[in-house]
Amino acid sequence: MLFACATITGLLAALLWGAIGQYVAWVTVGAPVVFIAWVWVRRRTQKPEQFGQTLHGK
């Protein structure tokens, strides 16, 4: 929910606030992309057996 609000704020800032809005937009629209990339890299670097226990059920 936080990322959704930040993205909407960033898009509106780019349209309404002029030059300063561009910088606000870069940060607020880029934050979800950076977060997703961080989670993806973190998942790829963890050991496979950590996830195997949760996938095999009981």
C-alpha atoms as a PDB file:
ATOM      1  CA  MET A   1       0.000   0.000   0.000  1.00  0.00           C
ATOM      2  CA  LEU A   2       2.901   2.317   0.778  1.00  0.00           C
ATOM      3  CA  PHE A   3       4.470   1.761  -2.631  1.00  0.00           C
ATOM      4  CA  ALA A   4       1.148   2.391  -4.369  1.00  0.00           C
ATOM      5  CA  CYS A   5       0.742   5.740  -2.603  1.00  0.00           C
ATOM      6  CA  ALA A   6       4.350   6.678  -3.309  1.00  0.00           C
ATOM      7  CA  THR A   7       3.981   5.825  -6.996  1.00  0.00           C
ATOM      8  CA  ILE A   8       0.805   7.855  -7.365  1.00  0.00           C
ATOM      9  CA  THR A   9       2.434  10.774  -5.560  1.00  0.00           C
ATOM     10  CA  GLY A  10       5.453  10.542  -7.842  1.00  0.00           C
ATOM     11  CA  LEU A  11       3.385  10.476 -10.999  1.00  0.00           C
ATOM     12  CA  LEU A  12       1.343  13.466  -9.891  1.00  0.00           C
ATOM     13  CA  ALA A  13       4.479  15.311  -8.806  1.00  0.00           C
ATOM     14  CA  ALA A  14       6.010  14.863 -12.247  1.00  0.00           C
ATOM     15  CA  LEU A  15       2.915  16.353 -13.844  1.00  0.00           C
ATOM     16  CA  LEU A  16       2.168  19.169 -11.416  1.00  0.00           C
ATOM     17  CA  TRP A  17       5.340  20.308  -9.649  1.00  0.00           C
ATOM     18  CA  GLY A  18       7.636  21.158 -12.548  1.00  0.00           C
ATOM     19  CA  ALA A  19      11.370  20.633 -12.195  1.00  0.00           C
ATOM     20  CA  ILE A  20      11.292  19.549  -8.547  1.00  0.00           C
ATOM     21  CA  GLY A  21       8.522  17.080  -9.358  1.00  0.00           C
ATOM     22  CA  GLN A  22      10.822  15.267 -11.761  1.00  0.00           C
ATOM     23  CA  TYR A  23      13.221  14.419  -8.957  1.00  0.00           C
ATOM     24  CA  VAL A  24      10.410  13.414  -6.628  1.00  0.00           C
ATOM     25  CA  ALA A  25       9.037  11.190  -9.391  1.00  0.00           C
ATOM     26  CA  TRP A  26      12.386   9.492  -9.950  1.00  0.00           C
ATOM     27  CA  VAL A  27      12.616   8.542  -6.289  1.00  0.00           C
ATOM     28  CA  THR A  28       8.999   7.548  -5.697  1.00  0.00           C
ATOM     29  CA  VAL A  29       8.469   5.641  -8.937  1.00  0.00           C
ATOM     30  CA  GLY A  30      11.897   4.005  -8.725  1.00  0.00           C
ATOM     31  CA  ALA A  31      11.491   2.792  -5.136  1.00  0.00           C
ATOM     32  CA  PRO A  32       9.212  -0.184  -5.957  1.00  0.00           C
ATOM     33  CA  VAL A  33      11.536  -1.220  -8.784  1.00  0.00           C
ATOM     34  CA  VAL A  34      14.560  -1.154  -6.473  1.00  0.00           C
ATOM     35  CA  PHE A  35      12.655  -3.068  -3.784  1.00  0.00           C
ATOM     36  CA  ILE A  36      11.567  -5.798  -6.220  1.00  0.00           C
ATOM     37  CA  ALA A  37      15.121  -6.129  -7.548  1.00  0.00           C
ATOM     38  CA  TRP A  38      16.466  -6.380  -3.981  1.00  0.00           C
ATOM     39  CA  VAL A  39      13.980  -9.132  -3.067  1.00  0.00           C
ATOM     40  CA  TRP A  40      14.691 -11.011  -6.312  1.00  0.00           C
ATOM     41  CA  VAL A  41      18.470 -10.935  -5.774  1.00  0.00           C
ATOM     42  CA  ARG A  42      18.057 -11.935  -2.138  1.00  0.00           C
ATOM     43  CA  ARG A  43      15.890 -14.921  -3.069  1.00  0.00           C
ATOM     44  CA  ARG A  44      18.356 -16.037  -5.743  1.00  0.00           C
ATOM     45  CA  THR A  45      21.320 -15.941  -3.360  1.00  0.00           C
ATOM     46  CA  GLN A  46      19.729 -17.922  -0.518  1.00  0.00           C
ATOM     47  CA  LYS A  47      20.299 -21.650  -0.206  1.00  0.00           C
ATOM     48  CA  PRO A  48      17.730 -23.831  -2.013  1.00  0.00           C
ATOM     49  CA  GLU A  49      17.097 -26.100   0.988  1.00  0.00           C
ATOM     50  CA  GLN A  50      15.672 -23.137   2.911  1.00  0.00           C
ATOM     51  CA  PHE A  51      12.793 -23.008   0.465  1.00  0.00           C
ATOM     52  CA  GLY A  52      12.499 -26.755  -0.047  1.00  0.00           C
ATOM     53  CA  GLN A  53      11.135 -27.332   3.445  1.00  0.00           C
ATOM     54  CA  THR A  54       8.186 -24.997   2.925  1.00  0.00           C
ATOM     55  CA  LEU A  55       7.348 -26.311  -0.528  1.00  0.00           C
ATOM     56  CA  HIS A  56       7.085 -30.007   0.406  1.00  0.00           C
ATOM     57  CA  GLY A  57       4.235 -29.512   2.853  1.00  0.00           C
ATOM     58  CA  LYS A  58       3.843 -31.297   6.169  1.00  0.00           C
END
